[in-house]
Amino acid sequence: MSALDVKEIKEKLKENLTKKRYEHTIGVAYTAMCMAMVHDVDIEKANIAGLLHDNAKCMSDDKLVQKCKKHDLKISSIEKTHPYLLHAKLGAFYAGYKYGIEDDDIINSILYHTTGRPDMTMLEKIIYIADYIEPSRNKATNLKKIRKLAFSDIDECVYQISKDTLEYLQKDDDSIDMTTVETYKYYEDIVNKRRG
């Protein structure tokens, strides 16, 4: 299957996402393209990764589990108790399977957009951040500071987002994916080394 063009991707997403989720998706793609300009990343790749990051988001937990099993996608213990996390894994799979994307950087950007991971590529960082800061987002703490960091210090931005995410999730220890913890520790180390 050849990759769909941006217009075809948008049409398909409109069919599969709620209006609010589609608007968020457009916001993420727009933010990702703006960040790509600053951080010297391919703008088209940033657009496609932003558009597809939540392509499997509007499914029930049961359907996410069912689809992952159908396509032999491994379900971790945290994903068994919090199936909504599977939208990133299934979305990364669908990027290739339904949308014809073969670029590993785009696929990994979708796969890790909720948890991050240590040593992310620049595109992975951009999608991770763009999902958090796109214009319709307004509830996160430190959002003004994080939005500035997104364009001035991308590693510190990832650190701040992962830190704030973990602080938010501390209320429910069962919901913390260890990849988020690893991301936080990795980028905390980078920031601390730089500060001396």
N, C-alpha and C. Protein backbone atom coordinates (compact mmCIF):
# COMPACT_ATOMS: atom_id res chain seq x y z
N MET A 1 0.85 -1.20 0.00
CA MET A 1 0.00 0.00 0.00
C MET A 1 0.89 1.25 0.00
N SER A 2 0.61 2.18 -0.88
CA SER A 2 1.38 3.42 -0.89
C SER A 2 0.78 4.38 0.14
N ALA A 3 1.62 5.28 0.62
CA ALA A 3 1.18 6.23 1.64
C ALA A 3 0.07 7.13 1.08
N LEU A 4 -0.91 7.40 1.91
CA LEU A 4 -1.96 8.33 1.53
C LEU A 4 -1.41 9.75 1.58
N ASP A 5 -1.97 10.64 0.76
CA ASP A 5 -1.53 12.03 0.86
C ASP A 5 -2.26 12.71 2.02
N VAL A 6 -1.83 13.92 2.34
CA VAL A 6 -2.35 14.62 3.52
C VAL A 6 -3.87 14.80 3.43
N LYS A 7 -4.37 15.13 2.25
CA LYS A 7 -5.81 15.32 2.07
C LYS A 7 -6.57 14.02 2.37
N GLU A 8 -6.06 12.89 1.86
CA GLU A 8 -6.71 11.59 2.10
C GLU A 8 -6.64 11.21 3.59
N ILE A 9 -5.51 11.51 4.22
CA ILE A 9 -5.37 11.23 5.66
C ILE A 9 -6.42 12.01 6.44
N LYS A 10 -6.56 13.29 6.13
CA LYS A 10 -7.53 14.13 6.85
C LYS A 10 -8.96 13.62 6.65
N GLU A 11 -9.28 13.21 5.42
CA GLU A 11 -10.63 12.70 5.14
C GLU A 11 -10.91 11.43 5.95
N LYS A 12 -9.93 10.55 5.99
CA LYS A 12 -10.08 9.30 6.74
C LYS A 12 -10.20 9.56 8.24
N LEU A 13 -9.40 10.50 8.74
CA LEU A 13 -9.45 10.84 10.17
C LEU A 13 -10.81 11.44 10.54
N LYS A 14 -11.36 12.27 9.67
CA LYS A 14 -12.67 12.87 9.94
C LYS A 14 -13.74 11.81 10.14
N GLU A 15 -13.60 10.70 9.42
CA GLU A 15 -14.56 9.60 9.54
C GLU A 15 -14.40 8.83 10.85
N ASN A 16 -13.17 8.80 11.39
CA ASN A 16 -12.88 7.92 12.54
C ASN A 16 -12.72 8.63 13.88
N LEU A 17 -12.66 9.96 13.86
CA LEU A 17 -12.47 10.71 15.10
C LEU A 17 -13.68 11.58 15.40
N THR A 18 -13.87 11.87 16.69
CA THR A 18 -14.92 12.83 17.05
C THR A 18 -14.48 14.21 16.57
N LYS A 19 -15.42 15.14 16.52
CA LYS A 19 -15.10 16.51 16.08
C LYS A 19 -14.02 17.12 16.97
N LYS A 20 -14.15 16.96 18.26
CA LYS A 20 -13.19 17.53 19.22
C LYS A 20 -11.81 16.89 19.04
N ARG A 21 -11.76 15.58 18.85
CA ARG A 21 -10.48 14.89 18.68
C ARG A 21 -9.84 15.28 17.34
N TYR A 22 -10.66 15.47 16.32
CA TYR A 22 -10.13 15.89 15.02
C TYR A 22 -9.52 17.30 15.13
N GLU A 23 -10.20 18.19 15.83
CA GLU A 23 -9.68 19.55 16.01
C GLU A 23 -8.36 19.52 16.79
N HIS A 24 -8.28 18.68 17.81
CA HIS A 24 -7.03 18.50 18.56
C HIS A 24 -5.93 18.01 17.62
N THR A 25 -6.26 17.05 16.78
CA THR A 25 -5.30 16.48 15.83
C THR A 25 -4.75 17.54 14.88
N ILE A 26 -5.62 18.39 14.36
CA ILE A 26 -5.18 19.48 13.48
C ILE A 26 -4.26 20.43 14.25
N GLY A 27 -4.60 20.68 15.51
CA GLY A 27 -3.76 21.53 16.36
C GLY A 27 -2.38 20.94 16.59
N VAL A 28 -2.33 19.64 16.81
CA VAL A 28 -1.04 18.96 17.02
C VAL A 28 -0.20 19.02 15.74
N ALA A 29 -0.82 18.75 14.60
CA ALA A 29 -0.10 18.79 13.32
C ALA A 29 0.45 20.20 13.06
N TYR A 30 -0.37 21.22 13.31
CA TYR A 30 0.05 22.60 13.11
C TYR A 30 1.23 22.95 14.03
N THR A 31 1.11 22.60 15.30
CA THR A 31 2.16 22.88 16.28
C THR A 31 3.44 22.12 15.91
N ALA A 32 3.28 20.87 15.49
CA ALA A 32 4.45 20.06 15.10
C ALA A 32 5.17 20.68 13.91
N MET A 33 4.42 21.19 12.94
CA MET A 33 5.06 21.83 11.79
C MET A 33 5.80 23.10 12.21
N CYS A 34 5.23 23.89 13.11
CA CYS A 34 5.90 25.09 13.60
C CYS A 34 7.20 24.72 14.32
N MET A 35 7.13 23.70 15.16
CA MET A 35 8.33 23.25 15.88
C MET A 35 9.37 22.68 14.91
N ALA A 36 8.91 21.98 13.89
CA ALA A 36 9.84 21.41 12.90
C ALA A 36 10.64 22.50 12.21
N MET A 37 10.01 23.63 11.94
CA MET A 37 10.73 24.76 11.32
C MET A 37 11.87 25.23 12.21
N VAL A 38 11.62 25.31 13.51
CA VAL A 38 12.62 25.80 14.46
C VAL A 38 13.73 24.78 14.67
N HIS A 39 13.36 23.50 14.73
CA HIS A 39 14.32 22.45 15.10
C HIS A 39 14.87 21.68 13.89
N ASP A 40 14.69 22.23 12.70
CA ASP A 40 15.30 21.69 11.47
C ASP A 40 14.89 20.23 11.21
N VAL A 41 13.59 19.99 11.29
CA VAL A 41 13.02 18.66 11.01
C VAL A 41 12.11 18.80 9.79
N ASP A 42 12.01 17.74 9.01
CA ASP A 42 11.16 17.73 7.81
C ASP A 42 9.72 18.11 8.19
N ILE A 43 9.23 19.20 7.61
CA ILE A 43 7.91 19.72 7.96
C ILE A 43 6.80 18.76 7.56
N GLU A 44 6.93 18.12 6.41
CA GLU A 44 5.89 17.18 5.95
C GLU A 44 5.80 15.97 6.88
N LYS A 45 6.96 15.46 7.32
CA LYS A 45 6.95 14.35 8.26
C LYS A 45 6.29 14.74 9.58
N ALA A 46 6.59 15.95 10.04
CA ALA A 46 5.99 16.44 11.28
C ALA A 46 4.47 16.56 11.13
N ASN A 47 4.01 17.03 9.98
CA ASN A 47 2.59 17.16 9.71
C ASN A 47 1.91 15.79 9.74
N ILE A 48 2.47 14.82 9.03
CA ILE A 48 1.87 13.48 8.95
C ILE A 48 1.86 12.81 10.32
N ALA A 49 2.98 12.90 11.06
CA ALA A 49 3.04 12.30 12.40
C ALA A 49 2.02 12.96 13.32
N GLY A 50 1.90 14.29 13.23
CA GLY A 50 0.91 14.99 14.05
C GLY A 50 -0.51 14.59 13.70
N LEU A 51 -0.78 14.48 12.41
CA LEU A 51 -2.13 14.09 11.98
C LEU A 51 -2.48 12.67 12.45
N LEU A 52 -1.51 11.77 12.43
CA LEU A 52 -1.80 10.36 12.73
C LEU A 52 -1.60 9.96 14.19
N HIS A 53 -1.13 10.87 15.03
CA HIS A 53 -0.75 10.47 16.40
C HIS A 53 -1.91 9.87 17.19
N ASP A 54 -3.13 10.32 16.95
CA ASP A 54 -4.30 9.81 17.69
C ASP A 54 -5.28 9.06 16.79
N ASN A 55 -4.78 8.46 15.70
CA ASN A 55 -5.71 7.85 14.73
C ASN A 55 -6.53 6.71 15.32
N ALA A 56 -6.08 6.11 16.42
CA ALA A 56 -6.83 5.02 17.06
C ALA A 56 -7.45 5.44 18.39
N LYS A 57 -7.51 6.72 18.64
CA LYS A 57 -7.92 7.23 19.96
C LYS A 57 -9.41 7.03 20.25
N CYS A 58 -10.26 7.15 19.26
CA CYS A 58 -11.71 7.14 19.50
C CYS A 58 -12.29 5.73 19.43
N MET A 59 -11.68 4.83 20.17
CA MET A 59 -12.18 3.45 20.28
C MET A 59 -12.41 3.16 21.75
N SER A 60 -13.35 2.30 22.03
CA SER A 60 -13.57 1.88 23.41
C SER A 60 -12.37 1.05 23.88
N ASP A 61 -12.20 0.95 25.19
CA ASP A 61 -11.11 0.14 25.74
C ASP A 61 -11.19 -1.31 25.24
N ASP A 62 -12.40 -1.85 25.21
CA ASP A 62 -12.58 -3.24 24.76
C ASP A 62 -12.14 -3.41 23.30
N LYS A 63 -12.49 -2.43 22.48
CA LYS A 63 -12.13 -2.51 21.07
C LYS A 63 -10.62 -2.38 20.87
N LEU A 64 -9.98 -1.50 21.66
CA LEU A 64 -8.52 -1.37 21.58
C LEU A 64 -7.84 -2.70 21.89
N VAL A 65 -8.30 -3.36 22.96
CA VAL A 65 -7.72 -4.66 23.35
C VAL A 65 -7.97 -5.69 22.24
N GLN A 66 -9.20 -5.72 21.76
CA GLN A 66 -9.57 -6.67 20.70
C GLN A 66 -8.72 -6.48 19.44
N LYS A 67 -8.55 -5.23 19.01
CA LYS A 67 -7.77 -4.95 17.80
C LYS A 67 -6.28 -5.27 18.00
N CYS A 68 -5.76 -4.99 19.18
CA CYS A 68 -4.36 -5.31 19.46
C CYS A 68 -4.14 -6.82 19.43
N LYS A 69 -5.07 -7.57 20.01
CA LYS A 69 -4.96 -9.04 19.98
C LYS A 69 -5.06 -9.56 18.55
N LYS A 70 -5.98 -8.99 17.79
CA LYS A 70 -6.18 -9.41 16.40
C LYS A 70 -4.90 -9.24 15.58
N HIS A 71 -4.16 -8.16 15.85
CA HIS A 71 -2.95 -7.87 15.07
C HIS A 71 -1.67 -8.31 15.79
N ASP A 72 -1.82 -9.14 16.83
CA ASP A 72 -0.68 -9.68 17.58
C ASP A 72 0.22 -8.60 18.16
N LEU A 73 -0.38 -7.53 18.66
CA LEU A 73 0.38 -6.47 19.32
C LEU A 73 0.43 -6.78 20.81
N LYS A 74 1.62 -6.85 21.36
CA LYS A 74 1.81 -7.23 22.77
C LYS A 74 1.15 -6.20 23.69
N ILE A 75 0.45 -6.68 24.70
CA ILE A 75 -0.21 -5.81 25.67
C ILE A 75 0.53 -5.96 27.01
N SER A 76 1.09 -4.85 27.49
CA SER A 76 1.84 -4.88 28.75
C SER A 76 0.89 -4.95 29.94
N SER A 77 1.43 -5.19 31.12
CA SER A 77 0.59 -5.29 32.32
C SER A 77 -0.12 -3.96 32.61
N ILE A 78 0.57 -2.84 32.41
CA ILE A 78 -0.06 -1.53 32.64
C ILE A 78 -1.16 -1.29 31.60
N GLU A 79 -0.96 -1.76 30.37
CA GLU A 79 -1.97 -1.60 29.31
C GLU A 79 -3.18 -2.50 29.57
N LYS A 80 -2.97 -3.62 30.25
CA LYS A 80 -4.11 -4.49 30.59
C LYS A 80 -5.05 -3.79 31.57
N THR A 81 -4.46 -3.05 32.52
CA THR A 81 -5.30 -2.36 33.51
C THR A 81 -5.73 -0.97 33.05
N HIS A 82 -5.02 -0.42 32.07
CA HIS A 82 -5.34 0.91 31.53
C HIS A 82 -5.33 0.84 29.99
N PRO A 83 -6.32 0.16 29.40
CA PRO A 83 -6.32 -0.10 27.95
C PRO A 83 -6.29 1.13 27.06
N TYR A 84 -6.71 2.30 27.59
CA TYR A 84 -6.70 3.51 26.76
C TYR A 84 -5.27 3.84 26.29
N LEU A 85 -4.27 3.35 27.02
CA LEU A 85 -2.87 3.57 26.61
C LEU A 85 -2.55 2.87 25.29
N LEU A 86 -3.34 1.88 24.93
CA LEU A 86 -3.10 1.11 23.71
C LEU A 86 -3.32 1.92 22.44
N HIS A 87 -3.97 3.07 22.54
CA HIS A 87 -4.24 3.85 21.32
C HIS A 87 -2.94 4.24 20.61
N ALA A 88 -1.86 4.43 21.36
CA ALA A 88 -0.58 4.81 20.74
C ALA A 88 0.01 3.62 19.98
N LYS A 89 -0.04 2.46 20.61
CA LYS A 89 0.52 1.24 19.99
C LYS A 89 -0.29 0.84 18.75
N LEU A 90 -1.62 0.84 18.89
CA LEU A 90 -2.47 0.49 17.76
C LEU A 90 -2.38 1.57 16.67
N GLY A 91 -2.30 2.83 17.09
CA GLY A 91 -2.18 3.93 16.14
C GLY A 91 -0.89 3.85 15.32
N ALA A 92 0.20 3.44 15.97
CA ALA A 92 1.48 3.27 15.26
C ALA A 92 1.37 2.14 14.24
N PHE A 93 0.70 1.06 14.64
CA PHE A 93 0.48 -0.06 13.72
C PHE A 93 -0.40 0.38 12.54
N TYR A 94 -1.50 1.08 12.85
CA TYR A 94 -2.41 1.54 11.79
C TYR A 94 -1.75 2.53 10.84
N ALA A 95 -0.77 3.29 11.33
CA ALA A 95 -0.07 4.25 10.45
C ALA A 95 0.48 3.52 9.22
N GLY A 96 1.02 2.33 9.45
CA GLY A 96 1.52 1.53 8.33
C GLY A 96 0.42 0.74 7.64
N TYR A 97 -0.40 0.09 8.45
CA TYR A 97 -1.41 -0.85 7.95
C TYR A 97 -2.54 -0.17 7.18
N LYS A 98 -3.01 0.98 7.69
CA LYS A 98 -4.16 1.66 7.08
C LYS A 98 -3.79 2.90 6.27
N TYR A 99 -2.65 3.51 6.63
CA TYR A 99 -2.29 4.78 5.99
C TYR A 99 -1.04 4.68 5.12
N GLY A 100 -0.43 3.51 5.08
CA GLY A 100 0.69 3.27 4.17
C GLY A 100 2.01 3.93 4.56
N ILE A 101 2.15 4.32 5.81
CA ILE A 101 3.38 4.98 6.27
C ILE A 101 4.46 3.93 6.50
N GLU A 102 5.63 4.16 5.91
CA GLU A 102 6.75 3.22 6.07
C GLU A 102 7.92 3.84 6.84
N ASP A 103 7.83 5.12 7.13
CA ASP A 103 8.90 5.83 7.81
C ASP A 103 8.89 5.49 9.31
N ASP A 104 9.97 4.84 9.78
CA ASP A 104 10.04 4.41 11.18
C ASP A 104 9.99 5.58 12.16
N ASP A 105 10.55 6.72 11.77
CA ASP A 105 10.54 7.87 12.66
C ASP A 105 9.11 8.38 12.90
N ILE A 106 8.31 8.39 11.85
CA ILE A 106 6.90 8.78 12.00
C ILE A 106 6.17 7.76 12.87
N ILE A 107 6.37 6.48 12.58
CA ILE A 107 5.69 5.41 13.33
C ILE A 107 6.08 5.45 14.81
N ASN A 108 7.37 5.63 15.10
CA ASN A 108 7.82 5.70 16.50
C ASN A 108 7.31 6.97 17.19
N SER A 109 7.16 8.05 16.44
CA SER A 109 6.61 9.28 17.01
C SER A 109 5.18 9.05 17.50
N ILE A 110 4.43 8.26 16.77
CA ILE A 110 3.06 7.91 17.17
C ILE A 110 3.10 6.95 18.36
N LEU A 111 3.97 5.96 18.28
CA LEU A 111 4.08 4.94 19.33
C LEU A 111 4.43 5.54 20.69
N TYR A 112 5.30 6.55 20.72
CA TYR A 112 5.78 7.09 21.99
C TYR A 112 5.21 8.46 22.34
N HIS A 113 4.13 8.88 21.68
CA HIS A 113 3.66 10.24 21.93
C HIS A 113 3.02 10.43 23.30
N THR A 114 2.62 9.36 23.97
CA THR A 114 2.02 9.51 25.30
C THR A 114 3.04 9.32 26.42
N THR A 115 3.97 8.39 26.26
CA THR A 115 4.93 8.08 27.33
C THR A 115 6.29 8.73 27.12
N GLY A 116 6.60 9.09 25.87
CA GLY A 116 7.97 9.45 25.55
C GLY A 116 8.83 8.20 25.67
N ARG A 117 10.14 8.39 25.55
CA ARG A 117 11.10 7.32 25.81
C ARG A 117 12.49 7.96 25.90
N PRO A 118 13.43 7.28 26.53
CA PRO A 118 14.78 7.84 26.57
C PRO A 118 15.35 7.98 25.15
N ASP A 119 16.16 9.00 24.95
CA ASP A 119 16.89 9.21 23.70
C ASP A 119 15.97 9.26 22.47
N MET A 120 14.92 10.06 22.56
CA MET A 120 14.00 10.21 21.43
C MET A 120 14.66 10.95 20.28
N THR A 121 14.20 10.66 19.06
CA THR A 121 14.63 11.45 17.90
C THR A 121 13.97 12.83 18.02
N MET A 122 14.42 13.76 17.21
CA MET A 122 13.85 15.11 17.25
C MET A 122 12.36 15.07 16.88
N LEU A 123 11.99 14.26 15.90
CA LEU A 123 10.58 14.17 15.52
C LEU A 123 9.75 13.57 16.65
N GLU A 124 10.26 12.56 17.32
CA GLU A 124 9.54 11.97 18.46
C GLU A 124 9.31 13.01 19.55
N LYS A 125 10.33 13.81 19.84
CA LYS A 125 10.18 14.87 20.86
C LYS A 125 9.13 15.88 20.42
N ILE A 126 9.16 16.23 19.15
CA ILE A 126 8.21 17.23 18.64
C ILE A 126 6.76 16.75 18.80
N ILE A 127 6.48 15.51 18.45
CA ILE A 127 5.10 15.00 18.56
C ILE A 127 4.69 14.86 20.03
N TYR A 128 5.61 14.38 20.85
CA TYR A 128 5.37 14.27 22.30
C TYR A 128 4.98 15.64 22.87
N ILE A 129 5.73 16.66 22.49
CA ILE A 129 5.48 18.01 23.00
C ILE A 129 4.25 18.64 22.36
N ALA A 130 4.12 18.52 21.04
CA ALA A 130 3.00 19.15 20.33
C ALA A 130 1.66 18.64 20.85
N ASP A 131 1.59 17.37 21.21
CA ASP A 131 0.37 16.80 21.77
C ASP A 131 0.01 17.48 23.09
N TYR A 132 1.00 17.91 23.82
CA TYR A 132 0.83 18.52 25.13
C TYR A 132 0.50 20.01 25.06
N ILE A 133 1.04 20.69 24.05
CA ILE A 133 0.95 22.16 24.04
C ILE A 133 0.07 22.76 22.95
N GLU A 134 -0.51 21.92 22.08
CA GLU A 134 -1.27 22.51 20.95
C GLU A 134 -2.30 23.52 21.46
N PRO A 135 -2.70 24.48 20.61
CA PRO A 135 -3.46 25.65 21.07
C PRO A 135 -4.71 25.38 21.90
N SER A 136 -5.42 24.27 21.67
CA SER A 136 -6.65 24.04 22.45
C SER A 136 -6.38 23.47 23.84
N ARG A 137 -5.15 23.06 24.12
CA ARG A 137 -4.80 22.58 25.46
C ARG A 137 -4.74 23.77 26.41
N ASN A 138 -5.36 23.63 27.59
CA ASN A 138 -5.33 24.76 28.52
C ASN A 138 -5.34 24.36 29.99
N LYS A 139 -5.25 23.06 30.28
CA LYS A 139 -5.38 22.63 31.68
C LYS A 139 -4.06 22.28 32.36
N ALA A 140 -3.01 22.00 31.60
CA ALA A 140 -1.75 21.56 32.19
C ALA A 140 -1.08 22.68 32.98
N THR A 141 -0.40 22.29 34.05
CA THR A 141 0.36 23.28 34.82
C THR A 141 1.60 23.67 34.01
N ASN A 142 2.11 24.85 34.29
CA ASN A 142 3.34 25.35 33.64
C ASN A 142 3.24 25.46 32.12
N LEU A 143 2.03 25.54 31.58
CA LEU A 143 1.85 25.50 30.12
C LEU A 143 2.55 26.66 29.41
N LYS A 144 2.48 27.84 29.97
CA LYS A 144 3.12 29.01 29.35
C LYS A 144 4.64 28.78 29.25
N LYS A 145 5.23 28.33 30.33
CA LYS A 145 6.68 28.05 30.35
C LYS A 145 7.03 26.93 29.37
N ILE A 146 6.23 25.86 29.36
CA ILE A 146 6.48 24.71 28.48
C ILE A 146 6.38 25.11 27.01
N ARG A 147 5.40 25.95 26.68
CA ARG A 147 5.26 26.40 25.29
C ARG A 147 6.49 27.18 24.83
N LYS A 148 7.08 27.99 25.71
CA LYS A 148 8.30 28.72 25.36
C LYS A 148 9.47 27.75 25.19
N LEU A 149 9.59 26.79 26.11
CA LEU A 149 10.68 25.81 26.03
C LEU A 149 10.62 24.98 24.75
N ALA A 150 9.42 24.73 24.25
CA ALA A 150 9.25 23.91 23.04
C ALA A 150 10.01 24.49 21.86
N PHE A 151 10.19 25.80 21.87
CA PHE A 151 10.86 26.47 20.75
C PHE A 151 12.27 26.94 21.10
N SER A 152 12.66 26.79 22.38
CA SER A 152 13.98 27.29 22.78
C SER A 152 14.90 26.20 23.34
N ASP A 153 14.33 25.20 24.04
CA ASP A 153 15.15 24.14 24.66
C ASP A 153 14.32 22.86 24.71
N ILE A 154 14.40 22.09 23.66
CA ILE A 154 13.49 20.95 23.50
C ILE A 154 13.71 19.85 24.55
N ASP A 155 14.97 19.61 24.95
CA ASP A 155 15.22 18.59 25.97
C ASP A 155 14.67 19.01 27.33
N GLU A 156 14.85 20.27 27.69
CA GLU A 156 14.27 20.74 28.95
C GLU A 156 12.75 20.70 28.89
N CYS A 157 12.20 20.94 27.72
CA CYS A 157 10.75 20.87 27.54
C CYS A 157 10.24 19.45 27.79
N VAL A 158 10.92 18.45 27.21
CA VAL A 158 10.54 17.04 27.44
C VAL A 158 10.64 16.71 28.93
N TYR A 159 11.72 17.18 29.55
CA TYR A 159 11.92 16.96 30.99
C TYR A 159 10.75 17.54 31.79
N GLN A 160 10.38 18.79 31.50
CA GLN A 160 9.33 19.46 32.24
C GLN A 160 7.97 18.76 32.05
N ILE A 161 7.68 18.35 30.82
CA ILE A 161 6.41 17.66 30.55
C ILE A 161 6.37 16.32 31.29
N SER A 162 7.46 15.54 31.20
CA SER A 162 7.46 14.23 31.86
C SER A 162 7.38 14.39 33.38
N LYS A 163 8.03 15.41 33.92
CA LYS A 163 7.98 15.70 35.36
C LYS A 163 6.54 16.04 35.78
N ASP A 164 5.92 16.97 35.05
CA ASP A 164 4.54 17.37 35.37
C ASP A 164 3.56 16.21 35.21
N THR A 165 3.79 15.39 34.19
CA THR A 165 2.92 14.23 33.96
C THR A 165 3.02 13.26 35.13
N LEU A 166 4.23 12.98 35.58
CA LEU A 166 4.41 12.05 36.71
C LEU A 166 3.80 12.61 37.98
N GLU A 167 3.95 13.90 38.21
CA GLU A 167 3.34 14.52 39.39
C GLU A 167 1.82 14.39 39.35
N TYR A 168 1.26 14.57 38.17
CA TYR A 168 -0.19 14.42 38.00
C TYR A 168 -0.62 12.97 38.24
N LEU A 169 0.16 12.02 37.71
CA LEU A 169 -0.19 10.60 37.82
C LEU A 169 0.07 10.01 39.21
N GLN A 170 0.83 10.72 40.05
CA GLN A 170 1.14 10.21 41.39
C GLN A 170 -0.14 9.92 42.18
N LYS A 171 -1.21 10.59 41.81
CA LYS A 171 -2.49 10.38 42.50
C LYS A 171 -2.98 8.94 42.33
N ASP A 172 -2.55 8.30 41.26
CA ASP A 172 -2.97 6.92 40.97
C ASP A 172 -1.74 6.14 40.51
N ASP A 173 -0.97 5.64 41.46
CA ASP A 173 0.30 4.97 41.15
C ASP A 173 0.13 3.83 40.14
N ASP A 174 -1.04 3.21 40.13
CA ASP A 174 -1.29 2.09 39.21
C ASP A 174 -1.27 2.53 37.75
N SER A 175 -1.43 3.82 37.49
CA SER A 175 -1.56 4.26 36.10
C SER A 175 -0.24 4.73 35.48
N ILE A 176 0.86 4.59 36.19
CA ILE A 176 2.14 5.07 35.68
C ILE A 176 2.83 4.00 34.85
N ASP A 177 3.04 4.33 33.58
CA ASP A 177 3.80 3.46 32.68
C ASP A 177 5.29 3.71 32.96
N MET A 178 6.06 2.64 33.14
CA MET A 178 7.48 2.80 33.48
C MET A 178 8.27 3.53 32.40
N THR A 179 7.79 3.50 31.16
CA THR A 179 8.49 4.24 30.10
C THR A 179 8.45 5.74 30.38
N THR A 180 7.37 6.22 30.98
CA THR A 180 7.28 7.63 31.35
C THR A 180 8.32 7.96 32.42
N VAL A 181 8.50 7.07 33.37
CA VAL A 181 9.50 7.25 34.43
C VAL A 181 10.91 7.27 33.82
N GLU A 182 11.16 6.33 32.92
CA GLU A 182 12.48 6.26 32.25
C GLU A 182 12.75 7.53 31.43
N THR A 183 11.70 8.03 30.77
CA THR A 183 11.83 9.27 29.99
C THR A 183 12.21 10.42 30.91
N TYR A 184 11.48 10.53 32.02
CA TYR A 184 11.75 11.59 32.99
C TYR A 184 13.20 11.52 33.48
N LYS A 185 13.66 10.35 33.90
CA LYS A 185 15.01 10.20 34.44
C LYS A 185 16.08 10.53 33.39
N TYR A 186 15.85 10.10 32.17
CA TYR A 186 16.81 10.33 31.09
C TYR A 186 16.97 11.84 30.82
N TYR A 187 15.84 12.54 30.68
CA TYR A 187 15.90 13.96 30.35
C TYR A 187 16.25 14.81 31.57
N GLU A 188 15.93 14.34 32.77
CA GLU A 188 16.38 15.02 33.99
C GLU A 188 17.91 15.00 34.04
N ASP A 189 18.50 13.87 33.70
CA ASP A 189 19.95 13.73 33.70
C ASP A 189 20.60 14.70 32.69
N ILE A 190 20.01 14.79 31.50
CA ILE A 190 20.53 15.72 30.47
C ILE A 190 20.49 17.16 30.99
N VAL A 191 19.36 17.54 31.56
CA VAL A 191 19.18 18.92 32.05
C VAL A 191 20.14 19.20 33.21
N ASN A 192 20.28 18.26 34.15
CA ASN A 192 21.16 18.45 35.30
C ASN A 192 22.63 18.54 34.89
N LYS A 193 23.03 17.71 33.93
CA LYS A 193 24.42 17.76 33.45
C LYS A 193 24.72 19.11 32.81
N ARG A 194 23.76 19.60 32.07
CA ARG A 194 23.95 20.88 31.40
C ARG A 194 24.04 22.02 32.41
N ARG A 195 23.26 21.89 33.49
CA ARG A 195 23.29 22.94 34.53
C ARG A 195 24.53 22.85 35.40
N GLY A 196 25.21 21.68 35.35
CA GLY A 196 26.45 21.49 36.10
C GLY A 196 26.16 21.10 37.53
